[in-house]
C-alpha atoms as a PDB file:
ATOM      1  CA  MET A   1     100.251  81.864  79.954  1.00  0.00           C
ATOM      2  CA  ASN A   2      97.326  82.539  82.280  1.00  0.00           C
ATOM      3  CA  VAL A   3      95.112  85.591  81.940  1.00  0.00           C
ATOM      4  CA  THR A   4      93.132  86.678  84.981  1.00  0.00           C
ATOM      5  CA  THR A   5      90.431  89.311  85.051  1.00  0.00           C
ATOM      6  CA  THR A   6      88.245  90.742  87.753  1.00  0.00           C
ATOM      7  CA  PRO A   7      85.064  88.723  88.392  1.00  0.00           C
ATOM      8  CA  HIS A   8      82.767  91.304  86.763  1.00  0.00           C
ATOM      9  CA  THR A   9      84.557  90.969  83.409  1.00  0.00           C
ATOM     10  CA  THR A  10      84.635  87.193  83.178  1.00  0.00           C
ATOM     11  CA  ALA A  11      82.125  84.428  82.628  1.00  0.00           C
ATOM     12  CA  ARG A  12      83.443  82.364  85.539  1.00  0.00           C
ATOM     13  CA  THR A  13      80.924  81.480  88.205  1.00  0.00           C
ATOM     14  CA  THR A  14      83.537  81.673  90.937  1.00  0.00           C
ATOM     15  CA  ALA A  15      86.242  84.263  91.430  1.00  0.00           C
ATOM     16  CA  PRO A  16      89.848  83.112  91.025  1.00  0.00           C
ATOM     17  CA  ALA A  17      91.712  82.293  94.205  1.00  0.00           C
ATOM     18  CA  ALA A  18      93.294  85.336  95.800  1.00  0.00           C
ATOM     19  CA  VAL A  19      96.987  85.599  95.041  1.00  0.00           C
ATOM     20  CA  ASP A  20      99.382  87.717  97.077  1.00  0.00           C
ATOM     21  CA  ILE A  21     101.506  89.417  94.411  1.00  0.00           C
ATOM     22  CA  ASP A  22     104.538  91.510  95.321  1.00  0.00           C
ATOM     23  CA  TRP A  23     104.395  94.204  92.594  1.00  0.00           C
ATOM     24  CA  ASN A  24     107.443  96.242  91.584  1.00  0.00           C
ATOM     25  CA  GLU A  25     107.068  99.968  91.047  1.00  0.00           C
ATOM     26  CA  ALA A  26     105.154 100.624  87.837  1.00  0.00           C
ATOM     27  CA  PHE A  27     107.068 101.309  84.621  1.00  0.00           C
ATOM     28  CA  CYS A  28     105.439 104.231  82.804  1.00  0.00           C
ATOM     29  CA  SER A  29     106.094 105.434  79.272  1.00  0.00           C
ATOM     30  CA  GLU A  30     104.800 108.541  77.535  1.00  0.00           C
ATOM     31  CA  GLY A  31     101.106 109.176  78.034  1.00  0.00           C
ATOM     32  CA  ALA A  32     101.005 107.416  81.409  1.00  0.00           C
ATOM     33  CA  ASN A  33     100.835 103.903  79.947  1.00  0.00           C
ATOM     34  CA  CYS A  34     101.997 102.086  83.076  1.00  0.00           C
ATOM     35  CA  PHE A  35     102.819  98.410  83.422  1.00  0.00           C
ATOM     36  CA  ARG A  36     104.049  96.559  86.463  1.00  0.00           C
ATOM     37  CA  PHE A  37     105.809  93.287  87.079  1.00  0.00           C
ATOM     38  CA  GLY A  38     105.357  91.093  90.116  1.00  0.00           C
ATOM     39  CA  LEU A  39     106.058  87.759  91.752  1.00  0.00           C
ATOM     40  CA  ASP A  40     104.002  85.632  94.094  1.00  0.00           C
ATOM     41  CA  ASP A  41     105.191  83.415  96.933  1.00  0.00           C
ATOM     42  CA  SER A  42     105.437  80.381  94.643  1.00  0.00           C
ATOM     43  CA  GLY A  43     107.677  82.214  92.163  1.00  0.00           C
ATOM     44  CA  ARG A  44     105.159  82.840  89.357  1.00  0.00           C
ATOM     45  CA  ALA A  45     105.674  86.026  87.353  1.00  0.00           C
ATOM     46  CA  TYR A  46     102.932  88.589  86.645  1.00  0.00           C
ATOM     47  CA  ILE A  47     102.483  91.510  84.248  1.00  0.00           C
ATOM     48  CA  GLY A  48      99.688  93.976  84.900  1.00  0.00           C
ATOM     49  CA  SER A  49      98.521  97.447  83.975  1.00  0.00           C
ATOM     50  CA  THR A  50      97.900 100.180  86.522  1.00  0.00           C
ATOM     51  CA  LEU A  51      94.701 101.073  84.616  1.00  0.00           C
ATOM     52  CA  THR A  52      93.162  97.668  85.394  1.00  0.00           C
ATOM     53  CA  PRO A  53      94.743  96.492  88.662  1.00  0.00           C
ATOM     54  CA  GLY A  54      92.612  93.334  88.902  1.00  0.00           C
ATOM     55  CA  GLU A  55      93.694  92.066  85.495  1.00  0.00           C
ATOM     56  CA  TYR A  56      97.053  90.489  84.754  1.00  0.00           C
ATOM     57  CA  VAL A  57      98.810  87.711  82.894  1.00  0.00           C
ATOM     58  CA  SER A  58     100.912  85.168  84.705  1.00  0.00           C
ATOM     59  CA  ASP A  59     103.395  82.504  83.764  1.00  0.00           C
ATOM     60  CA  SER A  60     106.696  81.122  84.960  1.00  0.00           C
ATOM     61  CA  VAL A  61     109.664  83.418  85.496  1.00  0.00           C
ATOM     62  CA  GLU A  62     111.396  81.576  82.644  1.00  0.00           C
ATOM     63  CA  ALA A  63     108.518  82.364  80.276  1.00  0.00           C
ATOM     64  CA  LEU A  64     108.574  86.034  81.313  1.00  0.00           C
ATOM     65  CA  ARG A  65     112.338  86.123  80.769  1.00  0.00           C
ATOM     66  CA  ALA A  66     111.885  84.622  77.270  1.00  0.00           C
ATOM     67  CA  LEU A  67     109.151  87.160  76.463  1.00  0.00           C
ATOM     68  CA  ILE A  68     111.284  90.119  77.529  1.00  0.00           C
ATOM     69  CA  SER A  69     114.280  88.778  75.574  1.00  0.00           C
ATOM     70  CA  ALA A  70     112.149  88.348  72.443  1.00  0.00           C
ATOM     71  CA  VAL A  71     110.714  91.863  72.741  1.00  0.00           C
ATOM     72  CA  LYS A  72     114.199  93.315  73.248  1.00  0.00           C
ATOM     73  CA  ALA A  73     115.361  91.409  70.142  1.00  0.00           C
ATOM     74  CA  GLY A  74     112.621  93.041  68.064  1.00  0.00           C
ATOM     75  CA  ALA A  75     109.891  90.396  67.983  1.00  0.00           C
ATOM     76  CA  ALA A  76     107.227  93.026  68.691  1.00  0.00           C
ATOM     77  CA  ASP A  77     108.657  95.880  66.626  1.00  0.00           C
ATOM     78  CA  HIS A  78     105.870  95.503  64.066  1.00  0.00           C
ATOM     79  CA  LEU A  79     103.427  96.659  66.771  1.00  0.00           C
ATOM     80  CA  LEU A  80     105.161 100.024  67.174  1.00  0.00           C
END
């Protein structure tokens, strides 16, 4: 899984290459905690927060599908 942050929050000397991400409408829960899912032209999947639009994680669509299935099955219930 790749984690990308805005240039001012990373130690990289060069900014990551610009990626054109087609974001879905944000999913918001109570308290305005909003997350969004997106895809780029090469089919990579992205998860980002509306609070930090320049930061996101990316991986393959298959990895995102496995993550969502695991969360739905209760793998992250201990965090609630």
